[in-house]
Protein backbone atom coordinates (compact mmCIF):
# COMPACT_ATOMS: atom_id res chain seq x y z
CA MET A 1 0.00 0.00 0.00
CA LYS A 2 2.70 2.48 1.02
CA SER A 3 4.77 1.69 -2.06
CA LYS A 4 1.78 2.31 -4.32
CA LEU A 5 1.07 5.66 -2.69
CA CYS A 6 4.68 6.61 -3.18
CA PHE A 7 4.59 5.48 -6.81
CA TRP A 8 1.66 7.75 -7.61
CA GLY A 9 3.50 10.49 -5.80
CA VAL A 10 6.40 9.89 -8.21
CA VAL A 11 3.98 9.98 -11.15
CA PHE A 12 2.83 13.50 -10.21
CA ALA A 13 6.22 14.59 -9.03
CA THR A 14 8.73 13.49 -11.68
CA LEU A 15 7.24 15.06 -14.81
CA LEU A 16 10.20 15.27 -17.21
CA CYS A 17 10.83 14.51 -20.91
CA SER A 18 9.28 13.60 -25.51
CA CYS A 19 10.65 10.93 -28.25
CA SER A 20 13.68 10.11 -30.39
CA GLY A 21 15.43 6.75 -30.28
CA ASP A 22 13.47 3.90 -28.73
CA LYS A 23 16.17 1.42 -27.67
CA TYR A 24 15.78 2.57 -24.07
CA LEU A 25 12.19 1.26 -24.12
CA ASP A 26 13.63 -2.27 -23.98
CA ALA A 27 14.63 -1.52 -20.38
CA VAL A 28 10.99 -0.96 -19.37
CA PRO A 29 9.54 -4.36 -18.31
CA GLY A 30 7.01 -5.62 -20.83
CA ASN A 31 4.75 -6.94 -18.06
CA SER A 32 4.32 -3.52 -16.47
CA ILE A 33 0.82 -2.98 -15.05
CA ALA A 34 1.07 0.83 -15.15
CA LEU A 35 2.84 3.08 -17.63
CA VAL A 36 3.14 6.87 -17.66
CA ALA A 37 4.74 8.78 -20.55
CA VAL A 38 5.89 12.35 -19.88
CA ASP A 39 6.68 14.77 -22.70
CA LEU A 40 8.66 17.66 -21.25
CA ASN A 41 8.23 19.90 -24.30
CA LYS A 42 4.44 19.59 -24.08
CA VAL A 43 4.52 20.11 -20.32
CA VAL A 44 6.35 23.41 -20.83
CA GLN A 45 4.04 24.49 -23.65
CA SER A 46 0.95 23.64 -21.62
CA GLN A 47 2.12 25.69 -18.65
CA ALA A 48 3.35 28.57 -20.80
CA GLN A 49 0.00 28.83 -22.60
CA ALA A 50 -2.03 28.86 -19.38
CA PRO A 51 -3.75 32.19 -18.50
CA ASN A 52 -1.52 34.58 -16.53
CA SER A 53 1.40 32.17 -16.87
CA GLN A 54 4.89 33.44 -15.96
CA VAL A 55 6.57 30.42 -17.59
CA THR A 56 9.10 30.92 -20.39
CA ASP A 57 11.36 28.41 -22.10
CA GLU A 58 14.35 30.42 -20.88
CA ASN A 59 13.66 30.56 -17.16
CA HIS A 60 11.26 27.83 -16.10
CA TRP A 61 11.92 24.36 -17.36
CA THR A 62 15.69 24.79 -17.31
CA ASP A 63 15.59 25.86 -13.66
CA ALA A 64 13.22 23.00 -12.88
CA LEU A 65 15.53 20.44 -14.44
CA LYS A 66 18.60 21.91 -12.77
CA SER A 67 16.85 21.56 -9.44
CA LEU A 68 15.59 18.05 -10.16
CA LEU A 69 18.87 16.71 -11.57
CA GLN A 70 21.07 18.87 -9.30
CA VAL A 71 23.28 20.05 -12.15
CA ASP A 72 24.43 23.46 -13.33
CA ASP A 73 24.10 22.60 -17.03
CA ILE A 74 21.24 20.27 -18.01
CA ASN A 75 22.92 19.49 -21.33
CA ASN A 76 25.75 17.73 -19.51
CA CYS A 77 23.76 15.15 -17.53
CA GLY A 78 23.88 12.59 -20.36
CA ILE A 79 20.09 12.20 -20.58
CA ASN A 80 18.28 12.88 -23.85
CA LEU A 81 15.79 15.55 -22.83
CA SER A 82 14.03 15.40 -26.20
CA SER A 83 12.83 11.86 -25.39
CA LYS A 84 9.93 10.91 -23.18
CA LEU A 85 10.39 9.70 -19.64
CA TYR A 86 8.52 6.48 -18.82
CA ILE A 87 7.35 5.68 -15.30
CA PHE A 88 6.21 2.11 -14.63
CA GLU A 89 4.98 -0.40 -12.07
CA THR A 90 5.51 -4.16 -12.44
CA PRO A 91 3.30 -6.97 -11.04
CA ASP A 92 5.65 -7.58 -8.10
CA GLY A 93 5.30 -3.96 -6.99
CA SER A 94 8.58 -2.66 -8.42
CA LEU A 95 8.18 1.05 -9.13
CA GLY A 96 10.52 2.83 -11.48
CA MET A 97 11.24 5.14 -14.35
CA ALA A 98 13.34 4.93 -17.50
CA ALA A 99 15.08 7.67 -19.49
CA ASP A 100 16.89 7.76 -22.83
CA VAL A 101 20.69 8.00 -22.51
CA LYS A 102 22.42 10.05 -25.19
CA ASP A 103 25.87 10.11 -23.57
CA GLU A 104 26.92 7.36 -21.14
CA ASP A 105 30.00 9.29 -20.07
CA GLY A 106 27.80 12.30 -19.36
CA VAL A 107 25.61 10.22 -17.04
CA LYS A 108 28.73 8.92 -15.27
CA ALA A 109 30.01 12.47 -14.78
CA TRP A 110 26.63 13.62 -13.47
CA LEU A 111 26.37 10.81 -10.92
CA LYS A 112 30.02 11.25 -9.92
CA HIS A 113 29.23 14.91 -9.25
CA LEU A 114 26.28 13.86 -7.06
CA ALA A 115 28.50 11.35 -5.24
CA GLU A 116 30.99 14.11 -4.43
CA LYS A 117 28.11 16.10 -2.92
CA GLY A 118 27.05 13.06 -0.87
CA THR A 119 23.76 12.71 -2.75
CA CYS A 120 24.48 9.22 -4.05
CA GLN A 121 26.96 6.39 -3.67
CA GLU A 122 30.04 6.20 -5.87
CA PRO A 123 28.87 4.62 -9.17
CA MET A 124 30.00 1.00 -9.60
CA LYS A 125 30.87 -0.32 -13.06
CA ARG A 126 29.72 -3.90 -13.69
CA ARG A 127 29.38 -6.13 -16.74
CA ASP A 128 25.68 -5.26 -17.11
CA GLY A 129 26.05 -1.50 -16.62
CA THR A 130 26.89 1.08 -13.98
CA PHE A 131 24.96 1.24 -10.71
CA THR A 132 24.49 3.45 -7.66
CA VAL A 133 21.97 4.34 -4.94
CA LEU A 134 20.57 7.87 -4.98
CA LYS A 135 19.56 9.58 -1.71
CA LYS A 136 19.91 6.22 0.09
CA THR A 137 16.60 4.95 -1.29
CA TRP A 138 16.64 4.99 -5.12
CA ALA A 139 18.55 2.28 -6.96
CA VAL A 140 19.92 3.51 -10.30
CA GLY A 141 21.43 1.63 -13.22
CA PHE A 142 22.41 2.71 -16.73
CA ASN A 143 24.25 1.68 -19.89
CA ASN A 144 24.76 3.33 -23.26
CA HIS A 145 21.05 3.48 -24.13
CA ALA A 146 18.95 3.60 -20.94
CA LEU A 147 18.89 4.84 -17.36
CA VAL A 148 16.52 3.07 -14.95
CA MET A 149 15.68 4.23 -11.41
CA VAL A 150 13.68 2.08 -8.97
CA GLY A 151 12.52 2.86 -5.46
CA PRO A 152 12.10 3.68 -2.75
CA THR A 153 14.00 0.68 -1.39
CA VAL A 154 15.39 -0.07 2.06
CA ALA A 155 19.06 -0.94 2.39
CA SER A 156 18.42 -4.67 2.75
CA GLN A 157 16.60 -4.77 -0.63
CA GLN A 158 18.94 -2.62 -2.68
CA ALA A 159 21.21 -5.43 -3.91
CA GLU A 160 18.21 -7.37 -5.21
CA THR A 161 16.77 -4.23 -6.80
CA ILE A 162 20.04 -3.57 -8.61
CA ARG A 163 19.94 -7.14 -9.93
CA LYS A 164 16.47 -6.43 -11.33
CA ILE A 165 17.67 -3.27 -13.02
CA ALA A 166 20.65 -5.14 -14.49
CA LYS A 167 18.25 -7.71 -15.96
CA TRP A 168 16.05 -5.02 -17.49
CA LEU A 169 19.02 -3.21 -19.01
CA LYS A 170 19.92 -6.42 -20.90
CA GLN A 171 16.43 -6.92 -22.33
CA ASP A 172 15.71 -6.76 -26.06
CA ASN A 173 12.53 -5.70 -27.85
CA GLU A 174 10.82 -9.02 -27.10
CA ASP A 175 10.91 -8.44 -23.35
CA GLY A 176 10.55 -4.63 -23.35
CA ILE A 177 7.43 -2.49 -23.28
CA ALA A 178 7.37 -1.24 -26.89
CA ASP A 179 5.42 -4.15 -28.37
CA THR A 180 2.60 -4.26 -25.80
CA PRO A 181 -1.04 -3.05 -25.75
CA ILE A 182 -0.43 -0.76 -22.77
CA TYR A 183 2.42 1.06 -24.56
CA ASN A 184 0.51 1.29 -27.83
CA LYS A 185 -2.43 2.86 -25.97
CA VAL A 186 -0.20 5.41 -24.22
CA GLU A 187 1.36 6.42 -27.54
CA THR A 188 -2.04 7.30 -29.05
CA MET A 189 -2.58 9.93 -26.35
CA GLN A 190 -1.57 13.52 -27.08
CA SER A 191 -1.41 15.08 -23.61
CA PRO A 192 1.85 16.24 -21.97
CA VAL A 193 1.51 13.42 -19.44
CA ALA A 194 -0.30 10.22 -20.45
CA MET A 195 -1.06 7.23 -18.26
CA VAL A 196 -2.52 3.77 -18.78
CA ALA A 197 -2.74 1.50 -15.76
CA GLN A 198 -4.49 -1.60 -14.54
CA ALA A 199 -7.02 -0.67 -11.88
CA ASP A 200 -5.22 -2.79 -9.29
CA ALA A 201 -2.07 -0.67 -9.73
CA LEU A 202 -3.74 2.35 -8.13
CA PRO A 203 -3.52 3.07 -4.37
CA ASP A 204 -6.40 1.47 -2.47
CA ARG A 205 -7.36 4.74 -0.78
CA PHE A 206 -7.93 6.55 -4.09
CA ILE A 207 -9.23 3.81 -6.37
CA ALA A 208 -13.01 4.26 -5.87
CA PRO A 209 -13.64 7.18 -8.27
CA PHE A 210 -11.54 5.58 -11.01
CA ILE A 211 -13.45 2.29 -11.16
CA LEU A 212 -17.03 3.54 -11.04
CA GLY A 213 -18.97 1.39 -13.48
CA MET A 214 -16.84 -1.72 -13.10
CA PRO A 215 -18.98 -4.91 -13.18
CA GLU A 216 -19.22 -6.76 -9.86
CA ASN A 217 -17.16 -9.80 -10.82
CA ALA A 218 -14.69 -8.06 -13.11
CA ASP A 219 -11.00 -8.79 -12.56
CA LEU A 220 -9.22 -5.55 -11.56
CA SER A 221 -6.26 -6.61 -13.70
CA GLN A 222 -8.56 -6.52 -16.75
CA VAL A 223 -9.93 -3.05 -16.02
CA MET A 224 -7.72 -0.24 -17.33
CA ILE A 225 -7.55 3.44 -16.40
CA GLN A 226 -6.58 5.90 -19.15
CA ALA A 227 -5.65 9.43 -18.09
CA GLU A 228 -4.49 12.47 -20.03
CA MET A 229 -2.89 15.16 -17.86
CA TYR A 230 -2.58 18.90 -18.45
CA VAL A 231 -1.52 21.87 -16.33
CA ASN A 232 -3.93 24.77 -15.86
CA LYS A 233 -2.45 27.46 -13.60
CA GLU A 234 -2.33 25.88 -10.12
CA MET A 235 -4.35 22.83 -11.12
CA LEU A 236 -3.37 19.48 -12.64
CA ASP A 237 -6.25 18.67 -15.01
CA ILE A 238 -6.76 14.93 -15.66
CA LYS A 239 -9.18 13.64 -18.27
CA GLY A 240 -9.80 9.97 -17.55
CA LYS A 241 -11.51 6.96 -19.03
CA ILE A 242 -12.13 3.41 -17.85
CA PHE A 243 -11.76 0.68 -20.48
CA SER A 244 -10.59 -2.88 -21.05
CA PHE A 245 -8.55 -4.65 -23.70
CA ASP A 246 -11.16 -7.44 -23.36
CA THR A 247 -13.87 -6.56 -25.89
CA LYS A 248 -16.81 -7.95 -23.92
CA LEU A 249 -15.79 -6.28 -20.66
CA ASP A 250 -15.08 -3.01 -22.46
CA SER A 251 -18.59 -3.01 -23.92
CA GLN A 252 -20.03 -3.41 -20.39
CA LEU A 253 -17.88 -0.59 -19.05
CA GLN A 254 -18.82 1.88 -21.78
CA LYS A 255 -22.53 1.08 -21.40
CA THR A 256 -22.35 1.72 -17.64
CA MET A 257 -20.61 5.06 -18.09
CA THR A 258 -23.60 6.38 -20.05
CA GLN A 259 -25.49 6.48 -16.72
CA PHE A 260 -23.55 9.63 -15.74
CA ARG A 261 -25.32 12.76 -17.01
CA PRO A 262 -24.12 16.39 -17.38
CA ILE A 263 -23.74 18.12 -14.01
CA LYS A 264 -26.09 21.10 -13.55
CA GLY A 265 -24.15 22.96 -10.85
CA LYS A 266 -26.70 22.65 -8.02
CA TYR A 267 -23.99 22.52 -5.33
CA ASN A 268 -21.50 24.96 -6.81
CA THR A 269 -21.89 27.52 -4.01
CA LEU A 270 -21.66 24.86 -1.28
CA LEU A 271 -18.47 23.09 -2.37
CA SER A 272 -15.84 23.45 0.33
CA GLY A 273 -12.32 24.56 -0.45
CA ASN A 274 -11.09 22.66 2.62
CA ALA A 275 -12.23 19.18 1.55
CA LEU A 276 -9.54 16.61 0.83
CA LEU A 277 -11.56 14.97 -1.93
CA THR A 278 -14.82 16.06 -3.57
CA MET A 279 -16.84 14.02 -6.07
CA VAL A 280 -19.69 15.53 -8.11
CA MET A 281 -21.96 13.74 -10.57
CA ASN A 282 -25.49 13.75 -12.00
CA VAL A 283 -27.34 10.43 -11.90
CA ASN A 284 -30.65 8.67 -11.69
CA GLY A 285 -30.42 6.83 -8.38
CA LYS A 286 -32.12 3.65 -9.59
CA ASN A 287 -29.37 3.26 -12.16
CA PHE A 288 -26.57 4.47 -9.87
CA VAL A 289 -27.17 2.14 -6.91
CA PRO A 290 -26.14 -1.02 -8.82
CA ILE A 291 -22.95 0.83 -9.85
CA MET A 292 -22.23 1.74 -6.23
CA LEU A 293 -22.98 -1.76 -4.96
CA HIS A 294 -20.30 -3.11 -7.30
CA ASN A 295 -17.75 -0.61 -5.95
CA LYS A 296 -16.34 -1.95 -2.67
CA ALA A 297 -14.53 1.28 -1.86
CA LEU A 298 -17.75 3.33 -2.11
CA GLN A 299 -19.61 0.74 -0.05
CA LEU A 300 -17.01 1.11 2.70
CA LEU A 301 -17.46 4.89 2.54
CA MET A 302 -21.18 4.54 3.21
CA ALA A 303 -20.91 1.57 5.59
CA GLY A 304 -21.09 3.52 8.87
CA VAL A 305 -24.18 5.48 7.83
CA ASN A 306 -25.81 2.42 6.24
CA THR A 307 -25.92 0.60 9.59
CA VAL A 308 -28.37 3.23 10.86
CA ILE A 309 -30.36 4.46 7.86
CA ASP A 310 -31.03 2.73 4.55
CA MET A 311 -28.68 4.67 2.28
CA ASP A 312 -29.27 2.29 -0.63
CA ASN A 313 -32.98 3.13 -0.58
CA ILE A 314 -32.27 6.84 -0.19
CA LEU A 315 -29.86 6.78 -3.13
CA LYS A 316 -32.51 5.09 -5.29
CA SER A 317 -34.58 8.26 -4.78
CA VAL A 318 -31.82 10.51 -6.21
CA ASP A 319 -32.48 12.19 -9.55
CA GLY A 320 -30.04 14.98 -10.37
CA ASP A 321 -26.76 16.37 -9.06
CA MET A 322 -25.01 14.56 -6.21
CA MET A 323 -21.97 15.65 -4.21
CA VAL A 324 -19.76 13.62 -1.84
CA ALA A 325 -16.88 15.25 0.06
CA LEU A 326 -14.23 13.83 2.40
CA GLN A 327 -12.40 15.90 4.98
CA PRO A 328 -9.38 14.62 6.97
CA LEU A 329 -9.97 14.57 10.71
CA ASP A 330 -6.42 13.90 11.89
CA GLU A 331 -3.00 12.57 10.88
CA GLY A 332 -4.42 9.06 10.76
CA SER A 333 -6.92 7.55 8.34
CA ASN A 334 -10.11 9.03 9.86
CA LEU A 335 -12.25 11.06 7.47
CA GLU A 336 -15.39 13.18 7.77
CA MET A 337 -17.97 12.47 5.08
CA THR A 338 -20.51 14.93 3.68
CA MET A 339 -22.99 14.26 0.87
CA SER A 340 -26.01 15.89 -0.70
CA ALA A 341 -28.19 15.01 -3.66
CA GLN A 342 -31.26 16.19 -5.53
CA LEU A 343 -34.23 13.86 -4.99
CA GLY A 344 -36.95 12.57 -7.26
CA ASN A 345 -39.04 11.64 -4.22
CA THR A 346 -38.85 11.38 -0.40
CA ALA A 347 -40.71 8.09 0.04
CA PHE A 348 -37.83 6.70 2.11
CA TRP A 349 -38.98 8.74 5.15
CA LYS A 350 -41.73 6.19 5.71
CA ASP A 351 -38.99 3.94 7.13
CA LEU A 352 -37.87 6.47 9.75
CA ASP A 353 -39.64 4.74 12.63
CA TYR A 354 -38.06 1.44 11.66
CA TRP A 355 -34.58 3.04 11.53
CA ARG A 356 -35.10 4.56 14.96
CA LYS A 357 -36.17 1.25 16.49
CA SER A 358 -33.33 -0.62 14.76
CA CYS A 359 -30.47 1.58 15.99
CA PRO A 360 -27.43 -0.30 17.31
CA VAL A 361 -27.26 -0.66 21.10
CA GLY A 362 -26.52 2.74 22.64
CA GLY A 363 -27.52 4.62 19.48
CA HIS A 364 -30.37 7.10 19.11
CA ILE A 365 -31.94 9.10 16.28
CA MET A 366 -33.14 12.52 17.40
CA GLU A 367 -34.94 15.31 15.67
CA TRP A 368 -32.50 18.09 14.78
CA ASN A 369 -33.26 21.76 14.35
CA HIS A 370 -30.20 23.08 12.57
CA ALA A 371 -30.83 26.51 14.05
CA VAL A 372 -31.38 25.74 17.74
CA GLY A 373 -30.19 22.24 18.54
CA GLU A 374 -31.79 18.82 19.08
CA LYS A 375 -34.69 17.00 20.72
CA GLU A 376 -36.06 13.46 20.81
CA ALA A 377 -37.35 12.30 17.41
CA LYS A 378 -41.13 12.43 17.05
CA GLY A 379 -41.45 12.05 13.32
CA THR A 380 -42.54 15.65 12.79
CA SER A 381 -39.38 16.92 11.07
CA SER A 382 -37.16 16.03 8.12
CA ALA A 383 -33.91 16.87 9.90
CA TYR A 384 -32.30 14.31 12.21
CA TYR A 385 -29.25 13.60 14.29
CA TYR A 386 -27.80 10.19 15.15
CA LYS A 387 -25.33 9.57 17.93
CA ASP A 388 -23.89 6.75 19.99
CA GLY A 389 -20.71 6.40 21.98
CA LYS A 390 -18.47 6.52 18.89
CA THR A 391 -20.43 7.88 15.94
CA LYS A 392 -22.53 10.92 15.15
CA PHE A 393 -23.96 12.31 11.95
CA PHE A 394 -26.72 14.63 10.74
CA PHE A 395 -29.16 13.87 7.93
CA GLY A 396 -32.37 15.19 6.47
CA SER A 397 -34.11 16.58 3.41
CA THR A 398 -35.17 20.07 2.40
CA SER A 399 -38.68 21.05 1.32
CA GLY A 400 -37.73 22.84 -1.89
CA VAL A 401 -38.41 21.74 -5.46
CA PRO A 402 -36.73 19.43 -6.06
CA PRO A 403 -36.04 18.40 -2.45
CA GLN A 404 -32.43 17.74 -1.40
CA PHE A 405 -31.13 14.96 0.80
CA TYR A 406 -28.10 15.76 2.95
CA CYS A 407 -25.92 13.81 5.34
CA SER A 408 -22.75 14.79 7.18
CA THR A 409 -20.63 13.77 10.14
CA ASN A 410 -19.88 17.49 10.57
CA GLU A 411 -22.66 19.69 11.99
CA HIS A 412 -21.15 22.81 10.41
CA ASN A 413 -21.40 21.24 6.93
CA ALA A 414 -24.88 19.84 7.63
CA LYS A 415 -26.15 23.34 8.49
CA ALA A 416 -24.87 24.67 5.17
CA LEU A 417 -26.61 21.90 3.24
CA ALA A 418 -29.82 22.17 5.25
CA SER A 419 -30.03 25.93 4.70
CA GLY A 420 -28.78 25.82 1.12
CA SER A 421 -26.26 28.57 1.77
CA GLN A 422 -22.77 29.04 3.13
CA VAL A 423 -22.31 29.29 6.86
CA ALA A 424 -19.80 31.35 8.86
CA ASN A 425 -16.12 30.58 8.23
CA MET A 426 -16.87 28.28 5.28
CA VAL A 427 -14.13 28.38 2.63
CA SER A 428 -15.45 28.07 -0.92
CA MET A 429 -13.84 26.03 -3.66
CA PRO A 430 -11.98 28.29 -6.16
CA GLN A 431 -14.28 29.78 -8.81
CA ASP A 432 -12.21 28.52 -11.76
CA VAL A 433 -12.57 24.96 -10.44
CA ILE A 434 -16.33 25.36 -9.95
CA GLN A 435 -16.69 26.58 -13.54
CA LYS A 436 -14.96 23.44 -14.80
CA ILE A 437 -17.44 21.19 -12.97
CA ASP A 438 -20.53 22.41 -14.86
CA GLY A 439 -21.31 20.15 -17.81
CA GLU A 440 -18.98 17.33 -16.76
CA ARG A 441 -20.60 13.95 -16.13
CA PHE A 442 -18.42 12.97 -13.21
CA CYS A 443 -15.55 14.84 -11.62
CA MET A 444 -13.28 14.56 -8.61
CA VAL A 445 -11.21 17.31 -6.98
CA LEU A 446 -8.21 16.33 -4.84
CA ASN A 447 -6.92 19.14 -2.61
CA LEU A 448 -3.15 18.80 -2.20
CA ASN A 449 -3.11 21.50 0.47
CA VAL A 450 -4.83 19.28 3.03
CA LEU A 451 -3.15 15.95 2.32
CA ASN A 452 -2.25 14.23 5.57
CA ASP A 453 -0.21 11.43 3.99
CA GLU A 454 3.51 12.15 4.23
CA LYS A 455 4.46 10.51 0.93
CA MET A 456 1.77 12.43 -0.94
CA ARG A 457 2.99 15.65 0.67
CA VAL A 458 6.42 14.89 -0.76
CA ALA A 459 4.84 14.37 -4.18
CA ALA A 460 3.14 17.77 -3.99
CA HIS A 461 6.46 19.33 -3.00
CA PHE A 462 8.18 17.95 -6.10
CA LEU A 463 5.42 19.27 -8.36
CA LYS A 464 6.38 22.81 -7.50
CA PRO A 465 9.70 23.19 -9.42
CA LEU A 466 8.10 21.94 -12.64
CA PHE A 467 4.69 23.60 -12.60
CA GLY A 468 4.91 26.25 -9.96
CA LYS A 469 2.49 25.89 -7.08
CA VAL A 470 0.04 23.09 -7.92
CA ASN A 471 -2.72 23.00 -5.32
CA LEU A 472 -5.45 20.86 -6.89
CA VAL A 473 -5.90 17.77 -9.01
CA PHE A 474 -9.09 17.86 -11.13
CA TYR A 475 -10.24 14.52 -12.57
CA SER A 476 -13.13 14.16 -15.02
CA ILE A 477 -14.33 11.29 -17.19
CA GLN A 478 -14.19 11.55 -20.94
């Protein structure tokens, strides 16, 4: 799990390099389950063309590369900067990247310079290439056509990792990535950064939005995520698609994705700028519930609430925009959850008495007045509050047309949703992000400013020299 999180940190953090010779592709394992191609020239152009951009070819990407490679002259590092950089993950969890070598002696001089600074070990020449360990955690190997870096690795694993790299450096076209479906798919994509990955290559904590629509019994290794990445001011814009190389499964996936309709912007003014992750979509609940039931990650998200109220039945009543937001509670894995959705009907309230009688031991559902407090439930209101010794959350529906259902573990957020307006001290999502949401069928916003995972914080830090200050990741389905 930790290695996968770090890998996706590297994906967002190591955005370098476009395409000339392809011999170095033989060093990328052909059985890779994730592949990211980064075209530096397009990255620079994308950032330079963004509104109010301060990026120029003269001062931005050269400084970024100097910082990343720790050299004074980027032309003397031995790496072909006109070729694409490929980042990969193999089935055994090895995480790495490969670059085109234009001058083997130049690479040796670069790494020797880093060794003198104490940044890496003294490079060791062997029959299969030259090897070192960078910053005590990244194993590096290169020959006259490719440089491969794998990590992070602990000291006890570094010898074995170097043996892997040596094996990959000796590969020919038959064992490399160039003649594979995943590589061919990546090469059809025109974005500065292009990714194709098996669904099971993604970090468990972030997989749910990417596999919406996956059939219940589908093999994660057969479900592929395609993502095209662009830079828009302080936002990394990702346009994604779920697909499969298996024709029958792909047909099922594409049919399911038609259930997501254009977002109307109902919750634009209520989207919090402090949320870690926000998902917005427009669905008919009767069609969406089967999709959710096949998504284990989303089921886990709703599990706590579902033990008290029948969320599946409530979601079947949804017809319109729906928003789900997660807010980190602490440095651990605890998250606050907030959701709201437009309703086609409120027939689910007929089950309120049953929910109240079926509460877990020690739990109680009380009527909640979001203006003055709480009192024992009597069935005369559509705003409620559940609490026991460990859990509390607020839920209800509004009386407007159409009515809205809301649910939150945070009373502050519940008040905003119940009233339909911002409450004191609420921080809004940036306006340029809100404008991008309208018309999309499904989108997810990841706020890098509130990440509480150390490895992902490091990833955000490394984004800065290449793109400036990147605060948000915006994902939408194609």
